[in-house]
Each structure stands twice: as C-alpha cells, then as structure tokens.
N, C-alpha and C. Protein backbone atom coordinates (compact mmCIF):
# COMPACT_ATOMS: atom_id res chain seq x y z
N MET A 1 46.54 77.25 86.22
CA MET A 1 47.51 76.18 86.57
C MET A 1 47.57 76.12 88.04
N ASN A 2 47.42 75.02 88.79
CA ASN A 2 47.67 74.94 90.25
C ASN A 2 48.91 74.20 90.52
N THR A 3 49.18 74.07 91.72
CA THR A 3 50.44 73.53 92.10
C THR A 3 50.59 72.05 91.86
N GLU A 4 49.33 71.38 91.83
CA GLU A 4 49.55 69.97 91.39
C GLU A 4 49.73 70.07 90.05
N GLU A 5 49.22 70.84 89.07
CA GLU A 5 49.54 70.80 87.70
C GLU A 5 51.05 71.14 87.48
N PHE A 6 51.52 71.91 88.18
CA PHE A 6 52.91 72.48 88.10
C PHE A 6 53.87 71.37 88.49
N LEU A 7 53.51 70.74 89.56
CA LEU A 7 54.42 69.42 90.01
C LEU A 7 54.52 68.35 88.75
N ARG A 8 53.19 68.25 88.15
CA ARG A 8 53.21 67.20 87.12
C ARG A 8 54.25 67.58 85.87
N LEU A 9 54.51 68.98 85.85
CA LEU A 9 55.55 69.54 84.79
C LEU A 9 57.03 69.08 85.18
N ILE A 10 57.08 68.81 86.56
CA ILE A 10 58.49 68.61 86.93
C ILE A 10 58.99 67.31 86.20
N GLY A 11 58.26 66.48 85.75
CA GLY A 11 58.43 65.26 85.10
C GLY A 11 59.07 65.43 83.67
N LYS A 12 58.82 66.67 83.22
CA LYS A 12 59.07 66.94 81.90
C LYS A 12 60.71 67.31 81.77
N GLN A 13 61.04 67.32 80.50
CA GLN A 13 62.60 67.75 80.30
C GLN A 13 62.86 69.14 80.54
N ARG A 14 61.92 70.05 80.28
CA ARG A 14 62.06 71.35 80.21
C ARG A 14 60.78 72.12 80.70
N PRO A 15 61.04 73.22 81.42
CA PRO A 15 59.79 73.96 81.72
C PRO A 15 59.21 74.65 80.36
N CYS A 16 57.99 75.19 80.55
CA CYS A 16 57.46 75.71 79.38
C CYS A 16 57.69 77.28 79.35
N PRO A 17 58.69 77.74 78.91
CA PRO A 17 58.86 79.20 79.04
C PRO A 17 57.98 80.04 78.34
N GLN A 18 57.13 79.68 77.43
CA GLN A 18 56.09 80.23 76.82
C GLN A 18 55.00 80.71 77.73
N ILE A 19 54.77 79.92 78.85
CA ILE A 19 53.77 80.06 79.89
C ILE A 19 54.15 80.38 81.26
N LEU A 20 55.57 80.08 81.44
CA LEU A 20 55.98 80.18 82.72
C LEU A 20 57.02 81.47 82.86
N PRO A 21 56.67 82.49 83.80
CA PRO A 21 57.70 83.58 83.86
C PRO A 21 59.03 82.84 84.55
N LYS A 22 60.04 83.63 84.58
CA LYS A 22 61.38 83.50 84.84
C LYS A 22 61.28 82.86 86.41
N ALA A 23 60.55 83.55 87.30
CA ALA A 23 60.54 83.11 88.65
C ALA A 23 60.13 81.77 88.80
N LEU A 24 59.13 81.40 88.02
CA LEU A 24 58.43 80.00 88.18
C LEU A 24 59.40 78.97 87.38
N GLN A 25 60.00 79.41 86.36
CA GLN A 25 61.03 78.44 85.66
C GLN A 25 62.18 78.26 86.75
N ALA A 26 62.48 79.13 87.48
CA ALA A 26 63.54 78.90 88.53
C ALA A 26 63.01 77.81 89.58
N MET A 27 61.73 78.04 89.92
CA MET A 27 61.44 77.14 91.03
C MET A 27 61.23 75.73 90.42
N TRP A 28 61.03 75.64 89.05
CA TRP A 28 60.90 74.23 88.37
C TRP A 28 62.13 73.68 88.45
N TYR A 29 63.35 74.37 87.96
CA TYR A 29 64.63 73.80 88.09
C TYR A 29 65.11 73.45 89.43
N ASP A 30 64.78 74.32 90.58
CA ASP A 30 64.94 73.92 91.85
C ASP A 30 64.42 72.69 92.32
N LYS A 31 63.10 72.42 91.89
CA LYS A 31 62.41 71.16 92.44
C LYS A 31 62.96 70.12 91.64
N LYS A 32 63.58 70.18 90.38
CA LYS A 32 64.29 69.28 89.72
C LYS A 32 65.51 68.83 90.25
N GLY A 33 66.16 69.71 91.27
CA GLY A 33 67.32 69.49 91.91
C GLY A 33 68.60 70.28 91.14
N ASP A 34 68.23 71.18 90.22
CA ASP A 34 69.25 71.99 89.54
C ASP A 34 69.28 73.47 90.05
N TRP A 35 69.98 73.50 91.43
CA TRP A 35 69.94 74.70 92.19
C TRP A 35 70.76 75.88 90.93
N SER A 36 71.79 75.45 90.48
CA SER A 36 72.61 76.23 89.50
C SER A 36 71.78 76.92 88.46
N LYS A 37 70.90 76.12 87.78
CA LYS A 37 70.16 76.67 86.63
C LYS A 37 69.13 77.59 87.28
N ALA A 38 68.48 77.16 88.38
CA ALA A 38 67.44 78.06 89.07
C ALA A 38 68.11 79.45 89.21
N HIS A 39 69.28 79.40 89.95
CA HIS A 39 70.04 80.60 90.20
C HIS A 39 70.44 81.43 89.03
N GLU A 40 70.78 80.87 88.02
CA GLU A 40 71.21 81.54 86.85
C GLU A 40 69.96 82.31 86.15
N ILE A 41 68.76 81.76 86.35
CA ILE A 41 67.55 82.17 85.69
C ILE A 41 67.19 83.65 86.38
N VAL A 42 67.30 83.49 87.79
CA VAL A 42 66.92 84.73 88.53
C VAL A 42 68.08 85.69 88.90
N GLN A 43 69.20 85.41 88.64
CA GLN A 43 70.39 86.31 89.21
C GLN A 43 70.39 87.61 88.72
N ASN A 44 69.85 87.81 87.29
CA ASN A 44 69.96 89.07 86.64
C ASN A 44 68.61 89.77 86.48
N ALA A 45 67.52 88.94 86.87
CA ALA A 45 66.21 89.46 86.71
C ALA A 45 66.01 90.68 87.76
N SER A 46 65.25 91.68 87.46
CA SER A 46 65.15 92.78 88.34
C SER A 46 63.67 92.86 88.95
N ASP A 47 62.77 92.01 88.71
CA ASP A 47 61.42 92.03 89.25
C ASP A 47 61.32 91.41 90.74
N ALA A 48 60.42 91.91 91.41
CA ALA A 48 60.39 91.44 92.85
C ALA A 48 60.09 89.70 92.99
N ASP A 49 59.41 89.16 92.14
CA ASP A 49 59.14 87.86 92.23
C ASP A 49 60.49 87.08 92.06
N SER A 50 61.41 87.49 91.02
CA SER A 50 62.65 86.76 90.80
C SER A 50 63.47 87.03 92.13
N ALA A 51 63.40 88.29 92.67
CA ALA A 51 64.16 88.53 93.94
C ALA A 51 63.85 87.58 95.11
N ARG A 52 62.47 87.49 95.24
CA ARG A 52 61.98 86.53 96.15
C ARG A 52 62.56 85.10 96.07
N VAL A 53 62.58 84.60 94.87
CA VAL A 53 62.96 83.20 94.47
C VAL A 53 64.46 83.33 94.68
N HIS A 54 65.25 84.35 94.31
CA HIS A 54 66.66 84.56 94.56
C HIS A 54 67.05 84.32 96.23
N ALA A 55 66.12 84.97 97.00
CA ALA A 55 66.27 84.86 98.26
C ALA A 55 66.14 83.40 98.85
N TYR A 56 65.07 82.90 98.47
CA TYR A 56 64.65 81.34 98.86
C TYR A 56 66.12 80.66 98.44
N LEU A 57 66.71 80.72 97.20
CA LEU A 57 67.81 79.81 96.77
C LEU A 57 68.92 80.06 97.60
N HIS A 58 69.18 81.37 98.01
CA HIS A 58 70.35 81.47 98.77
C HIS A 58 70.25 81.00 100.14
N ARG A 59 68.96 81.12 100.57
CA ARG A 59 68.60 80.56 102.00
C ARG A 59 68.75 78.97 101.90
N LYS A 60 68.53 78.40 100.81
CA LYS A 60 68.58 77.02 100.67
C LYS A 60 70.04 76.69 100.60
N GLU A 61 70.74 77.46 99.98
CA GLU A 61 72.34 77.30 99.70
C GLU A 61 72.90 77.28 101.13
N GLY A 62 72.52 78.09 102.08
CA GLY A 62 73.03 78.35 103.48
C GLY A 62 73.66 79.80 103.54
N ASP A 63 73.60 80.50 102.28
CA ASP A 63 74.18 81.81 102.49
C ASP A 63 73.25 82.81 102.82
N LEU A 64 72.93 82.86 104.22
CA LEU A 64 71.87 83.73 104.90
C LEU A 64 72.21 85.22 104.74
N SER A 65 73.26 85.74 104.74
CA SER A 65 73.39 87.12 104.57
C SER A 65 72.95 87.55 103.06
N ASN A 66 73.38 86.72 102.07
CA ASN A 66 72.91 87.07 100.77
C ASN A 66 71.49 86.83 100.67
N ALA A 67 70.74 85.82 101.17
CA ALA A 67 69.39 85.78 101.25
C ALA A 67 68.79 86.84 101.89
N HIS A 68 69.26 87.38 102.99
CA HIS A 68 68.64 88.71 103.60
C HIS A 68 68.55 89.76 102.66
N TYR A 69 69.59 89.94 101.93
CA TYR A 69 69.80 91.08 100.92
C TYR A 69 68.60 90.84 99.88
N TRP A 70 68.44 89.66 99.39
CA TRP A 70 67.43 89.41 98.49
C TRP A 70 65.90 89.42 99.01
N TYR A 71 65.78 88.97 100.09
CA TYR A 71 64.50 89.28 100.68
C TYR A 71 64.13 90.72 100.81
N GLN A 72 64.92 91.55 101.15
CA GLN A 72 64.92 92.92 101.25
C GLN A 72 64.50 93.66 99.92
N ARG A 73 65.41 93.10 98.91
CA ARG A 73 65.15 93.52 97.49
C ARG A 73 63.66 93.05 96.93
N SER A 74 63.14 91.93 97.52
CA SER A 74 61.80 91.51 96.95
C SER A 74 60.61 92.20 97.66
N GLY A 75 60.90 92.75 98.81
CA GLY A 75 59.85 93.46 99.52
C GLY A 75 59.22 92.44 100.48
N GLN A 76 59.64 91.36 100.79
CA GLN A 76 59.14 90.34 101.63
C GLN A 76 59.97 89.97 102.75
N LEU A 77 59.22 89.65 103.84
CA LEU A 77 59.87 89.11 105.00
C LEU A 77 60.52 87.97 104.80
N GLU A 78 61.51 87.88 105.61
CA GLU A 78 62.29 86.54 105.55
C GLU A 78 61.38 85.35 106.21
N PHE A 79 61.54 84.13 105.41
CA PHE A 79 60.75 83.07 105.76
C PHE A 79 61.31 82.29 106.98
N ALA A 80 60.37 81.86 107.70
CA ALA A 80 61.01 81.22 108.96
C ALA A 80 60.75 79.77 109.09
N GLY A 81 59.91 79.38 108.14
CA GLY A 81 59.55 77.95 108.06
C GLY A 81 60.63 77.08 107.33
N GLU A 82 60.19 75.94 107.16
CA GLU A 82 61.12 74.79 106.42
C GLU A 82 61.08 75.27 104.85
N LEU A 83 62.25 74.82 104.29
CA LEU A 83 62.44 75.16 102.87
C LEU A 83 61.23 74.57 102.02
N ASN A 84 60.81 73.41 102.23
CA ASN A 84 59.83 72.74 101.40
C ASN A 84 58.53 73.70 101.53
N GLN A 85 58.23 74.39 102.77
CA GLN A 85 57.11 75.17 102.92
C GLN A 85 57.26 76.42 101.99
N GLU A 86 58.58 77.15 102.23
CA GLU A 86 58.73 78.22 101.41
C GLU A 86 58.64 78.03 99.81
N TRP A 87 59.09 76.78 99.47
CA TRP A 87 59.08 76.40 98.07
C TRP A 87 57.43 76.51 97.64
N GLU A 88 56.62 75.75 98.49
CA GLU A 88 55.28 75.74 98.18
C GLU A 88 54.64 76.98 98.31
N GLN A 89 54.95 77.98 99.11
CA GLN A 89 54.28 79.22 99.20
C GLN A 89 54.69 80.09 98.20
N ILE A 90 55.96 80.17 97.71
CA ILE A 90 56.36 80.99 96.39
C ILE A 90 55.61 80.48 95.34
N THR A 91 55.70 79.06 95.02
CA THR A 91 55.16 78.71 93.79
C THR A 91 53.55 78.82 93.82
N SER A 92 53.05 78.68 94.99
CA SER A 92 51.53 79.01 94.88
C SER A 92 51.26 80.33 94.59
N VAL A 93 52.09 81.37 95.20
CA VAL A 93 51.77 82.71 94.85
C VAL A 93 51.98 83.13 93.39
N LEU A 94 53.12 82.55 92.88
CA LEU A 94 53.52 82.77 91.50
C LEU A 94 52.60 82.10 90.40
N LEU A 95 52.11 80.87 90.89
CA LEU A 95 50.94 80.36 89.91
C LEU A 95 49.70 81.10 89.94
N LYS A 96 49.44 81.64 90.95
CA LYS A 96 48.23 82.60 90.94
C LYS A 96 48.33 83.69 89.96
N LYS A 97 49.58 84.17 89.64
CA LYS A 97 49.80 85.23 88.68
C LYS A 97 49.65 84.73 87.26
N VAL A 98 49.94 83.52 87.02
CA VAL A 98 49.93 82.98 85.72
C VAL A 98 48.49 82.64 85.30
N ASN A 99 48.21 83.14 84.19
CA ASN A 99 46.93 82.94 83.57
C ASN A 99 47.10 81.99 82.43
N ALA A 100 47.28 80.74 82.74
CA ALA A 100 47.58 79.75 81.60
C ALA A 100 46.66 78.47 81.94
N THR A 101 45.99 78.08 80.88
CA THR A 101 44.93 77.17 81.07
C THR A 101 45.32 75.81 80.23
N HIS A 102 46.39 75.87 79.78
CA HIS A 102 46.84 74.73 78.89
C HIS A 102 48.16 74.17 79.37
N GLU A 103 48.34 72.84 79.15
CA GLU A 103 49.83 72.28 79.43
C GLU A 103 50.65 72.37 78.33
N CYS A 104 51.90 72.10 78.58
CA CYS A 104 52.94 72.30 77.56
C CYS A 104 52.94 71.14 76.68
C-alpha cells in the first residue's frame, strides 16, 4: 500500500484494523479530523511508531513539551517542518512497514 492508496481509505467509514497497525490507524483518524480518536489509539501503545505518532499529535495540539517527551520516547528527532509534511513523512514510513496488497 502506498500513500495514495492510504489516502483513498480516508473516504471509508473506518480504517482496516486487520491490515493497519495502531500507529497507521491513528494517522488515518487524524487525517479524518478526529484528533481525539487518533490520540486514544496511541496513548497506551508502547512501540516506537506509536510514540512517534503520539509526538506528532501533541505537536499538532500545540503541547510542545508533551510532544518533546514523545519524540524522545520514539527515538526520533523533533520535526521542524509543517504539520502536513510531518503527517506525510510518518505515514510514508509506516506504510513501507505494512505488507498489505489488498484493500479493505
């Protein structure tokens, strides 16, 4: 699945949990405009990808000290560009990790 295919999923009612890891599900909800649902998905996850998404979400929220904490937990540097660029970068990296060839 590439970014274009993922963006086509945005039009669906729900993400496909059977093929999307939690971090990507959170990015899906964020793109749909549901920050709270995205945050709910990653807030208790312990993997680095979810921590990276968590950092992005707090940066988007404007809570930079909390974002800083989650960037450290993810092992990633704080993103210096625009939020939409960070969304694209995170999503692209996460999609490369997904080995899914079918749509939901």
